[in-house]
Amino acid sequence: MTRLSNRQYPLLRMFAKNGPQFHMSIEQAQHFDQRPFRSMLIRKWIVFRPGKGFHITAAGLDAYNEFLHTDIARKNADLPLTAYFDATAYALHSRRPRVIQMRKAS
């Protein structure tokens, strides 16, 4: 799962929206917070090419798309909520599936 900070997301979005053909010069990059640049260079989401500048890589585009399209739906919505949610604290009854008991024929 790709996790982006509040600084990484806007910078990665800018590179992704402009596409792999977009190159940012060092002079342009100096106007932005350098922490997301460093982390994205380490992760190889962006690279620097002498004479061209910084640009997004395929891994950077993949990370951006994974971040945007991560599915958060549960596989089984009938399971109980997280253990960190205490239904009794809110005077709610827990949703438990009904069990039908079968009696043997006499």
PDB file of N, CA and C in Angstrom:
ATOM      1  N   MET A   1       0.843  -1.175   0.000  1.00  0.00           N
ATOM      2  CA  MET A   1       0.000   0.000   0.000  1.00  0.00           C
ATOM      3  C   MET A   1       0.890   1.241   0.000  1.00  0.00           C
ATOM      4  N   THR A   2       0.587   2.156  -0.861  1.00  0.00           N
ATOM      5  CA  THR A   2       1.344   3.403  -0.947  1.00  0.00           C
ATOM      6  C   THR A   2       0.788   4.410   0.036  1.00  0.00           C
ATOM      7  N   ARG A   3       1.671   4.945   0.855  1.00  0.00           N
ATOM      8  CA  ARG A   3       1.286   5.992   1.805  1.00  0.00           C
ATOM      9  C   ARG A   3       2.029   7.251   1.431  1.00  0.00           C
ATOM     10  N   LEU A   4       1.313   8.342   1.339  1.00  0.00           N
ATOM     11  CA  LEU A   4       1.918   9.623   0.988  1.00  0.00           C
ATOM     12  C   LEU A   4       1.655  10.635   2.093  1.00  0.00           C
ATOM     13  N   SER A   5       2.657  11.434   2.393  1.00  0.00           N
ATOM     14  CA  SER A   5       2.495  12.478   3.393  1.00  0.00           C
ATOM     15  C   SER A   5       1.791  13.673   2.769  1.00  0.00           C
ATOM     16  N   ASN A   6       1.449  14.625   3.618  1.00  0.00           N
ATOM     17  CA  ASN A   6       0.799  15.840   3.126  1.00  0.00           C
ATOM     18  C   ASN A   6       1.753  16.678   2.274  1.00  0.00           C
ATOM     19  N   ARG A   7       3.045  16.378   2.305  1.00  0.00           N
ATOM     20  CA  ARG A   7       4.010  17.066   1.451  1.00  0.00           C
ATOM     21  C   ARG A   7       4.303  16.262   0.181  1.00  0.00           C
ATOM     22  N   GLN A   8       4.313  14.950   0.308  1.00  0.00           N
ATOM     23  CA  GLN A   8       4.608  14.099  -0.854  1.00  0.00           C
ATOM     24  C   GLN A   8       3.484  14.142  -1.892  1.00  0.00           C
ATOM     25  N   TYR A   9       2.237  14.063  -1.413  1.00  0.00           N
ATOM     26  CA  TYR A   9       1.117  13.954  -2.348  1.00  0.00           C
ATOM     27  C   TYR A   9       1.063  15.119  -3.339  1.00  0.00           C
ATOM     28  N   PRO A  10       1.112  16.384  -2.895  1.00  0.00           N
ATOM     29  CA  PRO A  10       1.023  17.467  -3.886  1.00  0.00           C
ATOM     30  C   PRO A  10       2.176  17.452  -4.894  1.00  0.00           C
ATOM     31  N   LEU A  11       3.371  17.109  -4.443  1.00  0.00           N
ATOM     32  CA  LEU A  11       4.514  17.085  -5.348  1.00  0.00           C
ATOM     33  C   LEU A  11       4.407  15.922  -6.334  1.00  0.00           C
ATOM     34  N   LEU A  12       4.055  14.743  -5.834  1.00  0.00           N
ATOM     35  CA  LEU A  12       3.896  13.591  -6.723  1.00  0.00           C
ATOM     36  C   LEU A  12       2.751  13.818  -7.699  1.00  0.00           C
ATOM     37  N   ARG A  13       1.661  14.430  -7.231  1.00  0.00           N
ATOM     38  CA  ARG A  13       0.523  14.738  -8.100  1.00  0.00           C
ATOM     39  C   ARG A  13       0.952  15.678  -9.227  1.00  0.00           C
ATOM     40  N   MET A  14       1.762  16.681  -8.898  1.00  0.00           N
ATOM     41  CA  MET A  14       2.221  17.625  -9.913  1.00  0.00           C
ATOM     42  C   MET A  14       3.023  16.900 -11.005  1.00  0.00           C
ATOM     43  N   PHE A  15       3.940  16.030 -10.590  1.00  0.00           N
ATOM     44  CA  PHE A  15       4.717  15.274 -11.572  1.00  0.00           C
ATOM     45  C   PHE A  15       3.816  14.329 -12.372  1.00  0.00           C
ATOM     46  N   ALA A  16       2.904  13.637 -11.697  1.00  0.00           N
ATOM     47  CA  ALA A  16       2.035  12.659 -12.370  1.00  0.00           C
ATOM     48  C   ALA A  16       1.100  13.338 -13.366  1.00  0.00           C
ATOM     49  N   LYS A  17       0.524  14.453 -12.979  1.00  0.00           N
ATOM     50  CA  LYS A  17      -0.414  15.158 -13.866  1.00  0.00           C
ATOM     51  C   LYS A  17       0.295  15.691 -15.110  1.00  0.00           C
ATOM     52  N   ASN A  18       1.565  16.078 -14.952  1.00  0.00           N
ATOM     53  CA  ASN A  18       2.324  16.595 -16.095  1.00  0.00           C
ATOM     54  C   ASN A  18       2.916  15.489 -16.957  1.00  0.00           C
ATOM     55  N   GLY A  19       2.968  14.265 -16.421  1.00  0.00           N
ATOM     56  CA  GLY A  19       3.412  13.116 -17.200  1.00  0.00           C
ATOM     57  C   GLY A  19       4.919  12.935 -17.236  1.00  0.00           C
ATOM     58  N   PRO A  20       5.355  11.793 -17.778  1.00  0.00           N
ATOM     59  CA  PRO A  20       6.780  11.466 -17.792  1.00  0.00           C
ATOM     60  C   PRO A  20       7.619  12.393 -18.680  1.00  0.00           C
ATOM     61  N   GLN A  21       6.999  13.101 -19.598  1.00  0.00           N
ATOM     62  CA  GLN A  21       7.744  14.007 -20.468  1.00  0.00           C
ATOM     63  C   GLN A  21       8.089  15.325 -19.764  1.00  0.00           C
ATOM     64  N   PHE A  22       7.450  15.606 -18.624  1.00  0.00           N
ATOM     65  CA  PHE A  22       7.692  16.833 -17.869  1.00  0.00           C
ATOM     66  C   PHE A  22       9.012  16.737 -17.106  1.00  0.00           C
ATOM     67  N   HIS A  23       9.822  17.767 -17.206  1.00  0.00           N
ATOM     68  CA  HIS A  23      11.080  17.849 -16.481  1.00  0.00           C
ATOM     69  C   HIS A  23      11.115  19.151 -15.685  1.00  0.00           C
ATOM     70  N   MET A  24      11.546  19.052 -14.435  1.00  0.00           N
ATOM     71  CA  MET A  24      11.648  20.212 -13.564  1.00  0.00           C
ATOM     72  C   MET A  24      13.129  20.521 -13.329  1.00  0.00           C
ATOM     73  N   SER A  25      13.497  21.757 -13.565  1.00  0.00           N
ATOM     74  CA  SER A  25      14.891  22.156 -13.377  1.00  0.00           C
ATOM     75  C   SER A  25      15.228  22.261 -11.890  1.00  0.00           C
ATOM     76  N   ILE A  26      16.507  22.296 -11.595  1.00  0.00           N
ATOM     77  CA  ILE A  26      16.951  22.481 -10.208  1.00  0.00           C
ATOM     78  C   ILE A  26      16.444  23.814  -9.678  1.00  0.00           C
ATOM     79  N   GLU A  27      16.486  24.835 -10.515  1.00  0.00           N
ATOM     80  CA  GLU A  27      16.006  26.165 -10.096  1.00  0.00           C
ATOM     81  C   GLU A  27      14.528  26.122  -9.721  1.00  0.00           C
ATOM     82  N   GLN A  28      13.729  25.409 -10.493  1.00  0.00           N
ATOM     83  CA  GLN A  28      12.303  25.265 -10.165  1.00  0.00           C
ATOM     84  C   GLN A  28      12.124  24.455  -8.886  1.00  0.00           C
ATOM     85  N   ALA A  29      12.896  23.387  -8.745  1.00  0.00           N
ATOM     86  CA  ALA A  29      12.775  22.503  -7.579  1.00  0.00           C
ATOM     87  C   ALA A  29      13.119  23.226  -6.280  1.00  0.00           C
ATOM     88  N   GLN A  30      13.976  24.228  -6.355  1.00  0.00           N
ATOM     89  CA  GLN A  30      14.377  24.959  -5.152  1.00  0.00           C
ATOM     90  C   GLN A  30      13.232  25.749  -4.534  1.00  0.00           C
ATOM     91  N   HIS A  31      12.144  25.919  -5.240  1.00  0.00           N
ATOM     92  CA  HIS A  31      10.983  26.643  -4.716  1.00  0.00           C
ATOM     93  C   HIS A  31      10.085  25.757  -3.844  1.00  0.00           C
ATOM     94  N   PHE A  32      10.355  24.465  -3.833  1.00  0.00           N
ATOM     95  CA  PHE A  32       9.518  23.508  -3.111  1.00  0.00           C
ATOM     96  C   PHE A  32      10.248  22.948  -1.890  1.00  0.00           C
ATOM     97  N   ASP A  33       9.488  22.500  -0.924  1.00  0.00           N
ATOM     98  CA  ASP A  33      10.028  21.828   0.254  1.00  0.00           C
ATOM     99  C   ASP A  33      10.858  20.639  -0.218  1.00  0.00           C
ATOM    100  N   GLN A  34      12.066  20.498   0.309  1.00  0.00           N
ATOM    101  CA  GLN A  34      12.971  19.467  -0.173  1.00  0.00           C
ATOM    102  C   GLN A  34      12.738  18.097   0.460  1.00  0.00           C
ATOM    103  N   ARG A  35      11.979  18.014   1.546  1.00  0.00           N
ATOM    104  CA  ARG A  35      11.733  16.719   2.184  1.00  0.00           C
ATOM    105  C   ARG A  35      11.023  15.734   1.264  1.00  0.00           C
ATOM    106  N   PRO A  36       9.962  16.146   0.559  1.00  0.00           N
ATOM    107  CA  PRO A  36       9.343  15.169  -0.348  1.00  0.00           C
ATOM    108  C   PRO A  36      10.237  14.826  -1.539  1.00  0.00           C
ATOM    109  N   PHE A  37      11.046  15.780  -1.981  1.00  0.00           N
ATOM    110  CA  PHE A  37      11.979  15.472  -3.067  1.00  0.00           C
ATOM    111  C   PHE A  37      12.923  14.352  -2.639  1.00  0.00           C
ATOM    112  N   ARG A  38      13.492  14.495  -1.453  1.00  0.00           N
ATOM    113  CA  ARG A  38      14.434  13.493  -0.958  1.00  0.00           C
ATOM    114  C   ARG A  38      13.776  12.123  -0.865  1.00  0.00           C
ATOM    115  N   SER A  39      12.600  12.063  -0.259  1.00  0.00           N
ATOM    116  CA  SER A  39      11.937  10.767  -0.084  1.00  0.00           C
ATOM    117  C   SER A  39      11.556  10.145  -1.424  1.00  0.00           C
ATOM    118  N   MET A  40      11.147  10.967  -2.383  1.00  0.00           N
ATOM    119  CA  MET A  40      10.773  10.414  -3.690  1.00  0.00           C
ATOM    120  C   MET A  40      11.999   9.996  -4.499  1.00  0.00           C
ATOM    121  N   LEU A  41      13.132  10.684  -4.303  1.00  0.00           N
ATOM    122  CA  LEU A  41      14.369  10.248  -4.950  1.00  0.00           C
ATOM    123  C   LEU A  41      14.826   8.903  -4.370  1.00  0.00           C
ATOM    124  N   ILE A  42      14.733   8.748  -3.050  1.00  0.00           N
ATOM    125  CA  ILE A  42      15.118   7.495  -2.397  1.00  0.00           C
ATOM    126  C   ILE A  42      14.249   6.347  -2.895  1.00  0.00           C
ATOM    127  N   ARG A  43      12.943   6.595  -3.026  1.00  0.00           N
ATOM    128  CA  ARG A  43      12.009   5.558  -3.486  1.00  0.00           C
ATOM    129  C   ARG A  43      12.062   5.350  -5.001  1.00  0.00           C
ATOM    130  N   LYS A  44      12.818   6.205  -5.673  1.00  0.00           N
ATOM    131  CA  LYS A  44      12.941   6.166  -7.132  1.00  0.00           C
ATOM    132  C   LYS A  44      11.612   6.463  -7.830  1.00  0.00           C
ATOM    133  N   TRP A  45      10.801   7.323  -7.197  1.00  0.00           N
ATOM    134  CA  TRP A  45       9.565   7.785  -7.820  1.00  0.00           C
ATOM    135  C   TRP A  45       9.860   8.934  -8.772  1.00  0.00           C
ATOM    136  N   ILE A  46      10.930   9.675  -8.498  1.00  0.00           N
ATOM    137  CA  ILE A  46      11.438  10.674  -9.423  1.00  0.00           C
ATOM    138  C   ILE A  46      12.941  10.447  -9.558  1.00  0.00           C
ATOM    139  N   VAL A  47      13.485  10.886 -10.666  1.00  0.00           N
ATOM    140  CA  VAL A  47      14.933  10.802 -10.892  1.00  0.00           C
ATOM    141  C   VAL A  47      15.401  12.123 -11.493  1.00  0.00           C
ATOM    142  N   PHE A  48      16.690  12.342 -11.413  1.00  0.00           N
ATOM    143  CA  PHE A  48      17.281  13.538 -12.002  1.00  0.00           C
ATOM    144  C   PHE A  48      18.129  13.139 -13.196  1.00  0.00           C
ATOM    145  N   ARG A  49      17.940  13.814 -14.309  1.00  0.00           N
ATOM    146  CA  ARG A  49      18.741  13.595 -15.508  1.00  0.00           C
ATOM    147  C   ARG A  49      19.485  14.895 -15.804  1.00  0.00           C
ATOM    148  N   PRO A  50      20.834  14.848 -15.801  1.00  0.00           N
ATOM    149  CA  PRO A  50      21.604  16.055 -16.120  1.00  0.00           C
ATOM    150  C   PRO A  50      21.193  16.636 -17.477  1.00  0.00           C
ATOM    151  N   GLY A  51      21.041  17.929 -17.501  1.00  0.00           N
ATOM    152  CA  GLY A  51      20.640  18.605 -18.732  1.00  0.00           C
ATOM    153  C   GLY A  51      19.137  18.652 -18.942  1.00  0.00           C
ATOM    154  N   LYS A  52      18.398  17.829 -18.207  1.00  0.00           N
ATOM    155  CA  LYS A  52      16.928  17.805 -18.344  1.00  0.00           C
ATOM    156  C   LYS A  52      16.241  18.218 -17.051  1.00  0.00           C
ATOM    157  N   GLY A  53      16.618  17.587 -15.950  1.00  0.00           N
ATOM    158  CA  GLY A  53      16.007  17.903 -14.662  1.00  0.00           C
ATOM    159  C   GLY A  53      15.334  16.691 -14.038  1.00  0.00           C
ATOM    160  N   PHE A  54      14.458  16.962 -13.075  1.00  0.00           N
ATOM    161  CA  PHE A  54      13.729  15.908 -12.366  1.00  0.00           C
ATOM    162  C   PHE A  54      12.523  15.493 -13.199  1.00  0.00           C
ATOM    163  N   HIS A  55      12.242  14.196 -13.194  1.00  0.00           N
ATOM    164  CA  HIS A  55      11.012  13.722 -13.833  1.00  0.00           C
ATOM    165  C   HIS A  55      10.521  12.471 -13.116  1.00  0.00           C
ATOM    166  N   ILE A  56       9.241  12.174 -13.306  1.00  0.00           N
ATOM    167  CA  ILE A  56       8.613  11.034 -12.643  1.00  0.00           C
ATOM    168  C   ILE A  56       9.004   9.749 -13.373  1.00  0.00           C
ATOM    169  N   THR A  57       9.107   8.674 -12.615  1.00  0.00           N
ATOM    170  CA  THR A  57       9.423   7.362 -13.182  1.00  0.00           C
ATOM    171  C   THR A  57       8.144   6.527 -13.281  1.00  0.00           C
ATOM    172  N   ALA A  58       8.265   5.364 -13.884  1.00  0.00           N
ATOM    173  CA  ALA A  58       7.122   4.439 -13.940  1.00  0.00           C
ATOM    174  C   ALA A  58       6.717   4.034 -12.531  1.00  0.00           C
ATOM    175  N   ALA A  59       7.698   3.852 -11.637  1.00  0.00           N
ATOM    176  CA  ALA A  59       7.393   3.503 -10.244  1.00  0.00           C
ATOM    177  C   ALA A  59       6.637   4.641  -9.561  1.00  0.00           C
ATOM    178  N   GLY A  60       6.978   5.871  -9.886  1.00  0.00           N
ATOM    179  CA  GLY A  60       6.272   7.028  -9.328  1.00  0.00           C
ATOM    180  C   GLY A  60       4.830   7.094  -9.814  1.00  0.00           C
ATOM    181  N   LEU A  61       4.634   6.839 -11.094  1.00  0.00           N
ATOM    182  CA  LEU A  61       3.267   6.814 -11.633  1.00  0.00           C
ATOM    183  C   LEU A  61       2.464   5.677 -11.013  1.00  0.00           C
ATOM    184  N   ASP A  62       3.095   4.525 -10.831  1.00  0.00           N
ATOM    185  CA  ASP A  62       2.415   3.392 -10.184  1.00  0.00           C
ATOM    186  C   ASP A  62       2.014   3.745  -8.756  1.00  0.00           C
ATOM    187  N   ALA A  63       2.924   4.378  -8.008  1.00  0.00           N
ATOM    188  CA  ALA A  63       2.625   4.765  -6.624  1.00  0.00           C
ATOM    189  C   ALA A  63       1.466   5.754  -6.577  1.00  0.00           C
ATOM    190  N   TYR A  64       1.478   6.711  -7.477  1.00  0.00           N
ATOM    191  CA  TYR A  64       0.405   7.711  -7.530  1.00  0.00           C
ATOM    192  C   TYR A  64      -0.931   7.050  -7.842  1.00  0.00           C
ATOM    193  N   ASN A  65      -0.947   6.177  -8.844  1.00  0.00           N
ATOM    194  CA  ASN A  65      -2.198   5.493  -9.218  1.00  0.00           C
ATOM    195  C   ASN A  65      -2.679   4.549  -8.127  1.00  0.00           C
ATOM    196  N   GLU A  66      -1.758   3.857  -7.471  1.00  0.00           N
ATOM    197  CA  GLU A  66      -2.161   2.982  -6.365  1.00  0.00           C
ATOM    198  C   GLU A  66      -2.776   3.801  -5.240  1.00  0.00           C
ATOM    199  N   PHE A  67      -2.186   4.951  -4.952  1.00  0.00           N
ATOM    200  CA  PHE A  67      -2.717   5.822  -3.904  1.00  0.00           C
ATOM    201  C   PHE A  67      -4.133   6.284  -4.247  1.00  0.00           C
ATOM    202  N   LEU A  68      -4.356   6.634  -5.483  1.00  0.00           N
ATOM    203  CA  LEU A  68      -5.674   7.137  -5.896  1.00  0.00           C
ATOM    204  C   LEU A  68      -6.734   6.051  -5.968  1.00  0.00           C
ATOM    205  N   HIS A  69      -6.333   4.823  -6.274  1.00  0.00           N
ATOM    206  CA  HIS A  69      -7.324   3.780  -6.574  1.00  0.00           C
ATOM    207  C   HIS A  69      -7.293   2.607  -5.601  1.00  0.00           C
ATOM    208  N   THR A  70      -6.791   2.798  -4.399  1.00  0.00           N
ATOM    209  CA  THR A  70      -6.775   1.718  -3.420  1.00  0.00           C
ATOM    210  C   THR A  70      -8.201   1.432  -2.963  1.00  0.00           C
ATOM    211  N   ASP A  71      -8.608   0.180  -3.055  1.00  0.00           N
ATOM    212  CA  ASP A  71      -9.946  -0.239  -2.655  1.00  0.00           C
ATOM    213  C   ASP A  71      -9.994  -0.385  -1.135  1.00  0.00           C
ATOM    214  N   ILE A  72     -10.948   0.261  -0.509  1.00  0.00           N
ATOM    215  CA  ILE A  72     -11.050   0.185   0.949  1.00  0.00           C
ATOM    216  C   ILE A  72     -12.277  -0.610   1.403  1.00  0.00           C
ATOM    217  N   ALA A  73     -12.982  -1.230   0.479  1.00  0.00           N
ATOM    218  CA  ALA A  73     -14.168  -2.005   0.839  1.00  0.00           C
ATOM    219  C   ALA A  73     -13.759  -3.308   1.533  1.00  0.00           C
ATOM    220  N   ARG A  74     -14.549  -3.704   2.512  1.00  0.00           N
ATOM    221  CA  ARG A  74     -14.293  -4.961   3.216  1.00  0.00           C
ATOM    222  C   ARG A  74     -14.771  -6.132   2.373  1.00  0.00           C
ATOM    223  N   LYS A  75     -14.112  -7.249   2.526  1.00  0.00           N
ATOM    224  CA  LYS A  75     -14.520  -8.448   1.804  1.00  0.00           C
ATOM    225  C   LYS A  75     -15.807  -9.011   2.371  1.00  0.00           C
ATOM    226  N   ASN A  76     -15.991  -8.881   3.689  1.00  0.00           N
ATOM    227  CA  ASN A  76     -17.197  -9.380   4.333  1.00  0.00           C
ATOM    228  C   ASN A  76     -17.722  -8.287   5.264  1.00  0.00           C
ATOM    229  N   ALA A  77     -18.710  -7.546   4.802  1.00  0.00           N
ATOM    230  CA  ALA A  77     -19.259  -6.423   5.570  1.00  0.00           C
ATOM    231  C   ALA A  77     -20.092  -6.887   6.764  1.00  0.00           C
ATOM    232  N   ASP A  78     -20.380  -8.192   6.868  1.00  0.00           N
ATOM    233  CA  ASP A  78     -21.171  -8.689   7.988  1.00  0.00           C
ATOM    234  C   ASP A  78     -20.327  -8.951   9.231  1.00  0.00           C
ATOM    235  N   LEU A  79     -19.019  -8.899   9.106  1.00  0.00           N
ATOM    236  CA  LEU A  79     -18.156  -9.097  10.266  1.00  0.00           C
ATOM    237  C   LEU A  79     -18.282  -7.907  11.209  1.00  0.00           C
ATOM    238  N   PRO A  80     -17.977  -8.097  12.486  1.00  0.00           N
ATOM    239  CA  PRO A  80     -18.106  -6.981  13.427  1.00  0.00           C
ATOM    240  C   PRO A  80     -17.103  -5.868  13.129  1.00  0.00           C
ATOM    241  N   LEU A  81     -17.401  -4.701  13.680  1.00  0.00           N
ATOM    242  CA  LEU A  81     -16.490  -3.572  13.538  1.00  0.00           C
ATOM    243  C   LEU A  81     -15.190  -3.858  14.270  1.00  0.00           C
ATOM    244  N   THR A  82     -14.235  -3.009  14.061  1.00  0.00           N
ATOM    245  CA  THR A  82     -12.939  -3.142  14.710  1.00  0.00           C
ATOM    246  C   THR A  82     -13.080  -3.240  16.224  1.00  0.00           C
ATOM    247  N   ALA A  83     -12.157  -3.923  16.855  1.00  0.00           N
ATOM    248  CA  ALA A  83     -12.179  -4.077  18.312  1.00  0.00           C
ATOM    249  C   ALA A  83     -11.979  -2.737  19.019  1.00  0.00           C
ATOM    250  N   TYR A  84     -11.465  -1.737  18.299  1.00  0.00           N
ATOM    251  CA  TYR A  84     -11.260  -0.415  18.892  1.00  0.00           C
ATOM    252  C   TYR A  84     -12.569   0.355  19.046  1.00  0.00           C
ATOM    253  N   PHE A  85     -13.637  -0.120  18.411  1.00  0.00           N
ATOM    254  CA  PHE A  85     -14.952   0.502  18.557  1.00  0.00           C
ATOM    255  C   PHE A  85     -15.759  -0.319  19.538  1.00  0.00           C
ATOM    256  N   ASP A  86     -16.123   0.286  20.651  1.00  0.00           N
ATOM    257  CA  ASP A  86     -16.893  -0.396  21.689  1.00  0.00           C
ATOM    258  C   ASP A  86     -18.356   0.001  21.556  1.00  0.00           C
ATOM    259  N   ALA A  87     -19.160  -0.881  21.003  1.00  0.00           N
ATOM    260  CA  ALA A  87     -20.578  -0.595  20.776  1.00  0.00           C
ATOM    261  C   ALA A  87     -21.324  -0.349  22.075  1.00  0.00           C
ATOM    262  N   THR A  88     -20.928  -1.018  23.153  1.00  0.00           N
ATOM    263  CA  THR A  88     -21.624  -0.827  24.426  1.00  0.00           C
ATOM    264  C   THR A  88     -21.394   0.573  24.989  1.00  0.00           C
ATOM    265  N   ALA A  89     -20.309   1.224  24.651  1.00  0.00           N
ATOM    266  CA  ALA A  89     -20.057   2.596  25.113  1.00  0.00           C
ATOM    267  C   ALA A  89     -21.071   3.571  24.532  1.00  0.00           C
ATOM    268  N   TYR A  90     -21.691   3.198  23.427  1.00  0.00           N
ATOM    269  CA  TYR A  90     -22.693   4.036  22.780  1.00  0.00           C
ATOM    270  C   TYR A  90     -24.093   3.459  22.931  1.00  0.00           C
ATOM    271  N   ALA A  91     -24.219   2.511  23.841  1.00  0.00           N
ATOM    272  CA  ALA A  91     -25.498   1.841  24.112  1.00  0.00           C
ATOM    273  C   ALA A  91     -26.072   1.197  22.854  1.00  0.00           C
ATOM    274  N   LEU A  92     -25.207   0.636  22.039  1.00  0.00           N
ATOM    275  CA  LEU A  92     -25.637  -0.064  20.836  1.00  0.00           C
ATOM    276  C   LEU A  92     -25.524  -1.563  21.064  1.00  0.00           C
ATOM    277  N   HIS A  93     -26.392  -2.285  20.418  1.00  0.00           N
ATOM    278  CA  HIS A  93     -26.325  -3.743  20.499  1.00  0.00           C
ATOM    279  C   HIS A  93     -25.441  -4.233  19.366  1.00  0.00           C
ATOM    280  N   SER A  94     -24.613  -5.205  19.662  1.00  0.00           N
ATOM    281  CA  SER A  94     -23.745  -5.734  18.614  1.00  0.00           C
ATOM    282  C   SER A  94     -24.578  -6.510  17.609  1.00  0.00           C
ATOM    283  N   ARG A  95     -24.167  -6.455  16.371  1.00  0.00           N
ATOM    284  CA  ARG A  95     -24.868  -7.155  15.289  1.00  0.00           C
ATOM    285  C   ARG A  95     -24.300  -8.550  15.176  1.00  0.00           C
ATOM    286  N   ARG A  96     -25.006  -9.493  15.677  1.00  0.00           N
ATOM    287  CA  ARG A  96     -24.558 -10.882  15.584  1.00  0.00           C
ATOM    288  C   ARG A  96     -25.523 -11.645  14.694  1.00  0.00           C
ATOM    289  N   PRO A  97     -25.000 -12.522  13.889  1.00  0.00           N
ATOM    290  CA  PRO A  97     -25.899 -13.297  13.031  1.00  0.00           C
ATOM    291  C   PRO A  97     -26.797 -14.201  13.873  1.00  0.00           C
ATOM    292  N   ARG A  98     -28.027 -14.303  13.473  1.00  0.00           N
ATOM    293  CA  ARG A  98     -28.971 -15.167  14.191  1.00  0.00           C
ATOM    294  C   ARG A  98     -28.645 -16.626  13.901  1.00  0.00           C
ATOM    295  N   VAL A  99     -28.731 -17.396  14.964  1.00  0.00           N
ATOM    296  CA  VAL A  99     -28.482 -18.827  14.819  1.00  0.00           C
ATOM    297  C   VAL A  99     -29.827 -19.529  14.909  1.00  0.00           C
ATOM    298  N   ILE A 100     -30.121 -20.320  13.908  1.00  0.00           N
ATOM    299  CA  ILE A 100     -31.393 -21.059  13.880  1.00  0.00           C
ATOM    300  C   ILE A 100     -31.101 -22.454  14.419  1.00  0.00           C
ATOM    301  N   GLN A 101     -31.826 -22.819  15.476  1.00  0.00           N
ATOM    302  CA  GLN A 101     -31.627 -24.141  16.058  1.00  0.00           C
ATOM    303  C   GLN A 101     -32.627 -25.102  15.457  1.00  0.00           C
ATOM    304  N   MET A 102     -32.141 -26.214  15.055  1.00  0.00           N
ATOM    305  CA  MET A 102     -32.998 -27.250  14.472  1.00  0.00           C
ATOM    306  C   MET A 102     -33.294 -28.284  15.540  1.00  0.00           C
ATOM    307  N   ARG A 103     -34.555 -28.650  15.650  1.00  0.00           N
ATOM    308  CA  ARG A 103     -34.954 -29.673  16.608  1.00  0.00           C
ATOM    309  C   ARG A 103     -35.097 -31.011  15.875  1.00  0.00           C
ATOM    310  N   LYS A 104     -34.732 -32.048  16.600  1.00  0.00           N
ATOM    311  CA  LYS A 104     -34.901 -33.369  16.023  1.00  0.00           C
ATOM    312  C   LYS A 104     -36.367 -33.771  16.083  1.00  0.00           C
ATOM    313  N   ALA A 105     -36.784 -34.407  15.041  1.00  0.00           N
ATOM    314  CA  ALA A 105     -38.174 -34.884  15.016  1.00  0.00           C
ATOM    315  C   ALA A 105     -38.312 -36.042  15.982  1.00  0.00           C
ATOM    316  N   SER A 106     -39.377 -36.043  16.818  1.00  0.00           N
ATOM    317  CA  SER A 106     -39.565 -37.112  17.808  1.00  0.00           C
ATOM    318  C   SER A 106     -40.216 -38.303  17.218  1.00  0.00           C
TER     319      SER A 106
END
